[in-house]
Amino acid sequence: MITRSPDSPPTSIPLSTDWRMREQVRRANLYHFSEEGSIDRFIPREKQNRPDVPAVVWAIDAEHEFTYFFPRDCPRIVLRRPEQISDKHAQLFFSHTTANSIITVEQDWYARISEQTLYRYALDASTFELFDATAGYYVSHQPVLPLQVDEISNLIERLLQRGIELRFTTSLYPLREAILASDFDGFGIHRFNNAKK
């Protein structure tokens, strides 16, 4: 299970064409998170680090929205415990916790996370296609008008209420290196280009 950020290197996951997937999209609650509270129209845009994906509007489903309860540029690593996990991976990444999801961030971001207010835009799912089921990413090739916008604050409290274990560290590099040196695939690495070296 690989959970990737839209900023991650390209993947080969195809866009959904199966009718069952289209029905799943139709029923999904999709959101776009922003630090701006006055967006009235989302326009498809290309991402320089995703040359495999044309200009699209990105959205995330309700199950995975917690991975965006952070300032936009906050580097973070998300670990999700799969239903079947080896003793090796459990020991490496989930020892001494019963949490199924762990998010690790740099300690210098604590104040910004605590003070950040986000805006969650609810989107009409009708033009979206499933891009990555594991990460909960959807894309639309058409402009999208938001249905509703909600102000989201108290981000740390929201994470804890969902049973997410939030960890603070001086550096994300040791965890990233341990993940990449293993064959564990239940992770997501977001905005790592902003991590301190």
Protein backbone atom coordinates (compact mmCIF):
# COMPACT_ATOMS: atom_id res chain seq x y z
CA MET A 1 0.00 0.00 0.00
CA ILE A 2 1.74 3.17 -1.18
CA THR A 3 0.26 6.50 -0.23
CA ARG A 4 1.82 9.26 -2.28
CA SER A 5 1.44 13.03 -2.33
CA PRO A 6 0.59 14.75 -5.59
CA ASP A 7 4.16 16.09 -5.23
CA SER A 8 5.66 12.59 -5.23
CA PRO A 9 7.53 11.16 -8.24
CA PRO A 10 5.35 9.90 -11.12
CA THR A 11 3.49 6.65 -10.73
CA SER A 12 2.03 4.41 -13.39
CA ILE A 13 -1.45 4.25 -11.87
CA PRO A 14 -3.97 4.67 -14.72
CA LEU A 15 -7.01 6.88 -14.49
CA SER A 16 -10.21 4.99 -13.75
CA THR A 17 -12.38 3.79 -16.63
CA ASP A 18 -14.26 0.92 -14.97
CA TRP A 19 -17.94 1.63 -14.27
CA ARG A 20 -17.60 0.39 -10.70
CA MET A 21 -14.90 2.95 -10.09
CA ARG A 22 -17.04 5.67 -11.67
CA GLU A 23 -19.85 4.76 -9.27
CA GLN A 24 -17.40 4.91 -6.38
CA VAL A 25 -16.36 8.39 -7.49
CA ARG A 26 -19.98 9.52 -7.81
CA ARG A 27 -20.66 8.58 -4.21
CA ALA A 28 -17.40 9.97 -2.81
CA ASN A 29 -17.14 13.05 -0.63
CA LEU A 30 -14.30 14.97 -2.23
CA TYR A 31 -12.40 17.94 -0.86
CA HIS A 32 -9.68 20.39 -1.75
CA PHE A 33 -7.71 22.00 1.08
CA SER A 34 -6.26 25.49 0.84
CA GLU A 35 -4.90 28.27 3.01
CA GLU A 36 -7.03 30.66 0.95
CA GLY A 37 -10.68 31.04 1.88
CA SER A 38 -12.03 32.86 -1.16
CA ILE A 39 -11.55 30.48 -4.09
CA ASP A 40 -14.64 30.47 -6.29
CA ARG A 41 -13.35 28.28 -9.11
CA PHE A 42 -10.68 25.59 -9.37
CA ILE A 43 -8.86 25.55 -12.70
CA PRO A 44 -6.95 22.47 -13.95
CA ARG A 45 -3.21 23.06 -13.58
CA GLU A 46 -0.11 21.14 -14.54
CA LYS A 47 2.44 20.20 -11.91
CA GLN A 48 6.08 20.48 -12.90
CA ASN A 49 7.02 17.34 -11.00
CA ARG A 50 4.18 15.29 -12.50
CA PRO A 51 4.87 15.28 -16.26
CA ASP A 52 2.82 12.09 -16.58
CA VAL A 53 -0.37 13.91 -15.52
CA PRO A 54 -2.05 16.58 -17.67
CA ALA A 55 -3.55 19.73 -16.19
CA VAL A 56 -6.08 18.64 -13.55
CA VAL A 57 -7.86 19.70 -10.39
CA TRP A 58 -6.79 17.55 -7.45
CA ALA A 59 -9.13 16.35 -4.70
CA ILE A 60 -8.94 13.97 -1.77
CA ASP A 61 -11.64 11.80 -0.25
CA ALA A 62 -12.98 12.00 3.29
CA GLU A 63 -11.16 8.87 4.47
CA HIS A 64 -7.75 10.35 3.72
CA GLU A 65 -8.38 14.05 4.30
CA PHE A 66 -6.49 14.02 7.60
CA THR A 67 -3.21 13.86 5.68
CA TYR A 68 -3.91 17.47 4.69
CA PHE A 69 -4.60 18.84 8.19
CA PHE A 70 -1.29 20.69 7.92
CA PRO A 71 0.08 23.93 6.49
CA ARG A 72 0.55 23.55 2.74
CA ASP A 73 4.36 23.50 2.82
CA CYS A 74 4.74 21.33 5.94
CA PRO A 75 6.99 18.31 5.25
CA ARG A 76 5.59 15.15 6.77
CA ILE A 77 5.68 11.38 6.60
CA VAL A 78 2.52 9.32 6.94
CA LEU A 79 2.64 5.67 7.99
CA ARG A 80 -0.49 3.51 7.76
CA ARG A 81 -0.62 0.06 9.25
CA PRO A 82 -1.92 -2.44 6.66
CA GLU A 83 -4.30 -5.22 7.64
CA GLN A 84 -1.55 -7.74 7.04
CA ILE A 85 1.80 -6.57 8.39
CA SER A 86 4.99 -8.52 8.89
CA ASP A 87 6.64 -8.73 12.31
CA LYS A 88 9.63 -6.92 10.81
CA HIS A 89 7.59 -3.94 9.64
CA ALA A 90 5.55 -3.86 12.83
CA GLN A 91 8.75 -3.68 14.85
CA LEU A 92 10.38 -1.09 12.60
CA PHE A 93 7.50 1.34 12.28
CA PHE A 94 4.73 0.50 14.76
CA SER A 95 6.49 -0.70 17.89
CA HIS A 96 5.14 0.67 21.17
CA THR A 97 1.91 2.00 19.63
CA THR A 98 -1.56 0.71 18.85
CA ALA A 99 -2.23 3.51 16.35
CA ASN A 100 -2.99 2.50 12.78
CA SER A 101 -1.81 5.83 11.37
CA ILE A 102 1.27 7.80 12.40
CA ILE A 103 2.26 11.19 11.02
CA THR A 104 5.74 12.50 11.75
CA VAL A 105 6.67 16.16 11.25
CA GLU A 106 9.61 18.36 12.15
CA GLN A 107 9.32 19.96 15.57
CA ASP A 108 9.91 23.43 14.12
CA TRP A 109 6.46 23.17 12.51
CA TYR A 110 4.60 22.70 15.79
CA ALA A 111 3.63 26.35 16.24
CA ARG A 112 2.56 26.76 12.63
CA ILE A 113 0.42 23.63 12.75
CA SER A 114 -1.16 24.79 16.01
CA GLU A 115 -1.97 28.24 14.62
CA GLN A 116 -2.89 27.33 11.04
CA THR A 117 -6.41 27.82 9.72
CA LEU A 118 -7.32 25.91 6.56
CA TYR A 119 -10.29 26.02 4.24
CA ARG A 120 -11.88 22.76 3.11
CA TYR A 121 -13.74 23.07 -0.17
CA ALA A 122 -16.39 20.44 -0.83
CA LEU A 123 -16.43 19.53 -4.53
CA ASP A 124 -18.97 17.99 -6.87
CA ALA A 125 -17.60 14.52 -7.65
CA SER A 126 -19.35 14.19 -11.01
CA THR A 127 -16.36 15.27 -13.13
CA PHE A 128 -13.69 13.50 -11.09
CA GLU A 129 -11.86 10.25 -11.80
CA LEU A 130 -10.15 8.05 -9.26
CA PHE A 131 -6.40 8.51 -9.54
CA ASP A 132 -5.02 6.60 -6.54
CA ALA A 133 -7.39 4.59 -4.35
CA THR A 134 -4.78 3.97 -1.67
CA ALA A 135 -4.01 7.64 -1.21
CA GLY A 136 -7.58 8.81 -1.84
CA TYR A 137 -6.62 11.09 -4.74
CA TYR A 138 -9.07 12.08 -7.46
CA VAL A 139 -8.60 14.33 -10.47
CA SER A 140 -10.85 16.37 -12.74
CA HIS A 141 -9.87 17.62 -16.19
CA GLN A 142 -12.55 20.31 -16.03
CA PRO A 143 -12.87 23.50 -13.97
CA VAL A 144 -14.70 22.83 -10.72
CA LEU A 145 -16.92 25.13 -8.69
CA PRO A 146 -16.88 24.50 -4.92
CA LEU A 147 -20.15 23.47 -3.33
CA GLN A 148 -19.23 24.64 0.15
CA VAL A 149 -16.26 25.91 2.10
CA ASP A 150 -15.59 25.20 5.78
CA GLU A 151 -13.01 26.82 8.01
CA ILE A 152 -10.80 24.21 9.64
CA SER A 153 -8.74 25.04 12.72
CA ASN A 154 -7.40 23.23 15.81
CA LEU A 155 -5.60 20.85 13.46
CA ILE A 156 -3.71 18.92 16.12
CA GLU A 157 -6.90 18.28 18.08
CA ARG A 158 -8.63 17.08 14.90
CA LEU A 159 -5.84 14.62 14.21
CA LEU A 160 -5.89 13.25 17.75
CA GLN A 161 -9.67 12.90 17.69
CA ARG A 162 -9.28 10.61 14.69
CA GLY A 163 -6.83 8.40 16.52
CA ILE A 164 -3.87 9.63 14.50
CA GLU A 165 -0.57 9.47 16.35
CA LEU A 166 1.30 12.71 15.72
CA ARG A 167 5.04 12.66 16.30
CA PHE A 168 7.53 15.51 16.27
CA THR A 169 11.18 15.04 15.43
CA THR A 170 14.29 17.14 14.81
CA SER A 171 14.75 15.59 11.36
CA LEU A 172 12.64 13.52 8.96
CA TYR A 173 15.66 12.10 7.15
CA PRO A 174 16.31 9.07 9.41
CA LEU A 175 12.69 7.90 9.11
CA ARG A 176 12.64 8.49 5.35
CA GLU A 177 15.88 6.55 4.92
CA ALA A 178 14.57 3.66 7.04
CA ILE A 179 11.39 3.50 4.96
CA LEU A 180 13.19 3.60 1.61
CA ALA A 181 15.71 1.00 2.77
CA SER A 182 12.86 -1.40 3.61
CA ASP A 183 10.20 -3.00 1.44
CA PHE A 184 7.39 -1.45 3.48
CA ASP A 185 4.91 0.31 1.20
CA GLY A 186 2.32 1.74 3.59
CA PHE A 187 3.72 5.25 3.59
CA GLY A 188 3.28 8.72 2.15
CA ILE A 189 5.94 11.42 1.99
CA HIS A 190 4.65 14.97 1.56
CA ARG A 191 6.56 18.15 0.73
CA PHE A 192 9.89 16.58 1.57
CA ASN A 193 11.70 19.20 -0.48
CA ASN A 194 10.95 21.53 2.44
CA ALA A 195 12.56 19.25 5.03
CA LYS A 196 15.62 20.48 6.88
CA LYS A 197 18.89 18.80 5.90
